[in-house]
Each structure stands twice: as structure tokens, then as C-alpha cells.
Amino acid sequence: MKNIIEFMKENKLIIGGITWLFAVQLNILVTSFTTNMVQPISIKVTKKNLDDQVITVFGIRFKIGAFLKSLLDFTIIIIIIYFILQKFNKLYNYSQT
């Protein structure tokens, strides 16, 4: 058992696991935000669910609403990660040289 714990410490598997769990939970939180906060606004404005927003160009249907929702999720996650890294860098005085 001691060898397993040492192996995990040396290869930073514990930090990697915690980071993975944080990323999964962050994704769940952001998806919940867009589903429960942004979608109702979209429905109020357009009378349709954001996922149902479609544009047709030359007979091709593009699910623009689903794409915009994914883009919003991605943007929110990137912004959160940016601010977390900024705070982390300040706390631990990391400088980019």
C-alpha cells in the first residue's frame, strides 16, 4: 500500500484526479447555468428552446441554438479557469519570465 501512495505522489496522480473532479463539476455547474438561467430567457424572447433554434441555408439545417449554447458553456468555463489561475498565480507569486 505504501508503494502505491508513493507512486501516486511521485506522478502527481492525486492532483490530477482532483483537477479532473473539479473540471467535471465545473462543467455540470456551467451546463446547469445555461439550461436553467439562459434557456428561460431564450424561450421568453424567441418563444423557442435555445436547442431548437435552427437556421436553414441552401436547404441545410444548422442547429445554431445548440451551437451557441455549447459556445456559451465553453466561454464561461474558460473565463472561470482564467480567474482561478490569476488568483492562484497571485497567491503563490508565480511570475511569467
C-alpha atoms as a PDB file:
ATOM      1  CA  MET A   1       0.000   0.000   0.000  1.00  0.00           C
ATOM      2  CA  LYS A   2       2.866   2.362   0.820  1.00  0.00           C
ATOM      3  CA  ASN A   3       4.342   1.834  -2.667  1.00  0.00           C
ATOM      4  CA  ILE A   4       1.034   2.785  -4.295  1.00  0.00           C
ATOM      5  CA  ILE A   5       0.797   6.013  -2.290  1.00  0.00           C
ATOM      6  CA  GLU A   6       4.401   6.912  -3.123  1.00  0.00           C
ATOM      7  CA  PHE A   7       3.775   6.176  -6.806  1.00  0.00           C
ATOM      8  CA  MET A   8       0.700   8.411  -6.762  1.00  0.00           C
ATOM      9  CA  LYS A   9       2.638  11.219  -5.071  1.00  0.00           C
ATOM     10  CA  GLU A  10       5.605  10.977  -7.440  1.00  0.00           C
ATOM     11  CA  ASN A  11       3.404  11.047 -10.526  1.00  0.00           C
ATOM     12  CA  LYS A  12       1.046  13.684  -9.134  1.00  0.00           C
ATOM     13  CA  LEU A  13      -1.950  11.414  -9.690  1.00  0.00           C
ATOM     14  CA  ILE A  14      -3.802  12.797  -6.689  1.00  0.00           C
ATOM     15  CA  ILE A  15      -3.603  16.358  -8.026  1.00  0.00           C
ATOM     16  CA  GLY A  16      -4.620  15.119 -11.469  1.00  0.00           C
ATOM     17  CA  GLY A  17      -7.616  13.323 -10.002  1.00  0.00           C
ATOM     18  CA  ILE A  18      -8.706  16.352  -8.019  1.00  0.00           C
ATOM     19  CA  THR A  19      -8.303  18.524 -11.115  1.00  0.00           C
ATOM     20  CA  TRP A  20     -10.407  16.102 -13.143  1.00  0.00           C
ATOM     21  CA  LEU A  21     -13.156  16.095 -10.495  1.00  0.00           C
ATOM     22  CA  PHE A  22     -13.098  19.893 -10.400  1.00  0.00           C
ATOM     23  CA  ALA A  23     -13.404  20.062 -14.195  1.00  0.00           C
ATOM     24  CA  VAL A  24     -16.345  17.665 -14.221  1.00  0.00           C
ATOM     25  CA  GLN A  25     -18.165  19.603 -11.511  1.00  0.00           C
ATOM     26  CA  LEU A  26     -17.426  22.913 -13.218  1.00  0.00           C
ATOM     27  CA  ASN A  27     -18.911  21.537 -16.440  1.00  0.00           C
ATOM     28  CA  ILE A  28     -22.041  20.391 -14.571  1.00  0.00           C
ATOM     29  CA  LEU A  29     -22.387  23.816 -12.938  1.00  0.00           C
ATOM     30  CA  VAL A  30     -21.987  25.747 -16.185  1.00  0.00           C
ATOM     31  CA  THR A  31     -24.385  23.443 -18.052  1.00  0.00           C
ATOM     32  CA  SER A  32     -26.920  23.934 -15.274  1.00  0.00           C
ATOM     33  CA  PHE A  33     -26.469  27.710 -15.525  1.00  0.00           C
ATOM     34  CA  THR A  34     -27.106  27.795 -19.261  1.00  0.00           C
ATOM     35  CA  THR A  35     -30.001  25.350 -19.021  1.00  0.00           C
ATOM     36  CA  ASN A  36     -31.734  26.909 -16.029  1.00  0.00           C
ATOM     37  CA  MET A  37     -30.823  30.585 -16.390  1.00  0.00           C
ATOM     38  CA  VAL A  38     -30.112  31.314 -20.056  1.00  0.00           C
ATOM     39  CA  GLN A  39     -32.667  28.958 -21.654  1.00  0.00           C
ATOM     40  CA  PRO A  40     -35.684  30.616 -19.963  1.00  0.00           C
ATOM     41  CA  ILE A  41     -34.557  33.991 -21.315  1.00  0.00           C
ATOM     42  CA  SER A  42     -34.211  32.498 -24.789  1.00  0.00           C
ATOM     43  CA  ILE A  43     -37.676  30.969 -24.553  1.00  0.00           C
ATOM     44  CA  LYS A  44     -39.153  34.288 -23.372  1.00  0.00           C
ATOM     45  CA  VAL A  45     -37.525  36.231 -26.227  1.00  0.00           C
ATOM     46  CA  THR A  46     -37.860  33.786 -29.127  1.00  0.00           C
ATOM     47  CA  LYS A  47     -40.721  31.547 -27.915  1.00  0.00           C
ATOM     48  CA  LYS A  48     -38.442  28.546 -28.595  1.00  0.00           C
ATOM     49  CA  ASN A  49     -35.985  26.483 -26.632  1.00  0.00           C
ATOM     50  CA  LEU A  50     -32.407  27.508 -27.420  1.00  0.00           C
ATOM     51  CA  ASP A  51     -31.623  23.970 -28.570  1.00  0.00           C
ATOM     52  CA  ASP A  52     -34.473  24.195 -31.095  1.00  0.00           C
ATOM     53  CA  GLN A  53     -33.151  27.334 -32.819  1.00  0.00           C
ATOM     54  CA  VAL A  54     -32.342  26.354 -36.398  1.00  0.00           C
ATOM     55  CA  ILE A  55     -31.336  28.300 -39.475  1.00  0.00           C
ATOM     56  CA  THR A  56     -31.594  26.869 -42.968  1.00  0.00           C
ATOM     57  CA  VAL A  57     -29.118  27.842 -45.667  1.00  0.00           C
ATOM     58  CA  PHE A  58     -29.421  26.278 -49.122  1.00  0.00           C
ATOM     59  CA  GLY A  59     -31.603  23.536 -47.687  1.00  0.00           C
ATOM     60  CA  ILE A  60     -29.108  22.667 -44.953  1.00  0.00           C
ATOM     61  CA  ARG A  61     -30.408  22.931 -41.379  1.00  0.00           C
ATOM     62  CA  PHE A  62     -27.896  24.295 -38.913  1.00  0.00           C
ATOM     63  CA  LYS A  63     -28.675  23.879 -35.201  1.00  0.00           C
ATOM     64  CA  ILE A  64     -27.391  27.315 -34.353  1.00  0.00           C
ATOM     65  CA  GLY A  65     -29.032  27.358 -30.918  1.00  0.00           C
ATOM     66  CA  ALA A  66     -27.326  24.180 -29.729  1.00  0.00           C
ATOM     67  CA  PHE A  67     -24.019  25.505 -31.054  1.00  0.00           C
ATOM     68  CA  LEU A  68     -24.462  28.863 -29.302  1.00  0.00           C
ATOM     69  CA  LYS A  69     -25.319  27.082 -26.044  1.00  0.00           C
ATOM     70  CA  SER A  70     -22.130  24.982 -26.296  1.00  0.00           C
ATOM     71  CA  LEU A  71     -20.129  28.090 -27.152  1.00  0.00           C
ATOM     72  CA  LEU A  72     -21.556  29.879 -24.115  1.00  0.00           C
ATOM     73  CA  ASP A  73     -20.707  26.895 -21.887  1.00  0.00           C
ATOM     74  CA  PHE A  74     -17.151  26.843 -23.226  1.00  0.00           C
ATOM     75  CA  THR A  75     -16.711  30.609 -22.815  1.00  0.00           C
ATOM     76  CA  ILE A  76     -17.931  30.570 -19.221  1.00  0.00           C
ATOM     77  CA  ILE A  77     -15.617  27.680 -18.335  1.00  0.00           C
ATOM     78  CA  ILE A  78     -12.618  29.434 -19.912  1.00  0.00           C
ATOM     79  CA  ILE A  79     -13.383  32.654 -18.024  1.00  0.00           C
ATOM     80  CA  ILE A  80     -13.691  30.802 -14.712  1.00  0.00           C
ATOM     81  CA  ILE A  81     -10.420  28.952 -15.300  1.00  0.00           C
ATOM     82  CA  TYR A  82      -8.714  32.227 -16.234  1.00  0.00           C
ATOM     83  CA  PHE A  83      -9.771  33.904 -12.977  1.00  0.00           C
ATOM     84  CA  ILE A  84      -8.829  30.854 -10.906  1.00  0.00           C
ATOM     85  CA  LEU A  85      -5.371  30.778 -12.486  1.00  0.00           C
ATOM     86  CA  GLN A  86      -4.953  34.528 -11.930  1.00  0.00           C
ATOM     87  CA  LYS A  87      -5.804  34.104  -8.252  1.00  0.00           C
ATOM     88  CA  PHE A  88      -3.546  31.040  -7.975  1.00  0.00           C
ATOM     89  CA  ASN A  89      -0.644  32.955  -9.532  1.00  0.00           C
ATOM     90  CA  LYS A  90      -1.126  35.851  -7.106  1.00  0.00           C
ATOM     91  CA  LEU A  91      -1.314  33.570  -4.077  1.00  0.00           C
ATOM     92  CA  TYR A  92       1.819  31.660  -4.956  1.00  0.00           C
ATOM     93  CA  ASN A  93       3.718  34.573  -6.548  1.00  0.00           C
ATOM     94  CA  TYR A  94       4.296  32.811  -9.841  1.00  0.00           C
ATOM     95  CA  SER A  95       5.715  35.111 -12.458  1.00  0.00           C
ATOM     96  CA  GLN A  96       5.941  34.551 -16.168  1.00  0.00           C
ATOM     97  CA  THR A  97       9.517  35.302 -17.186  1.00  0.00           C
END
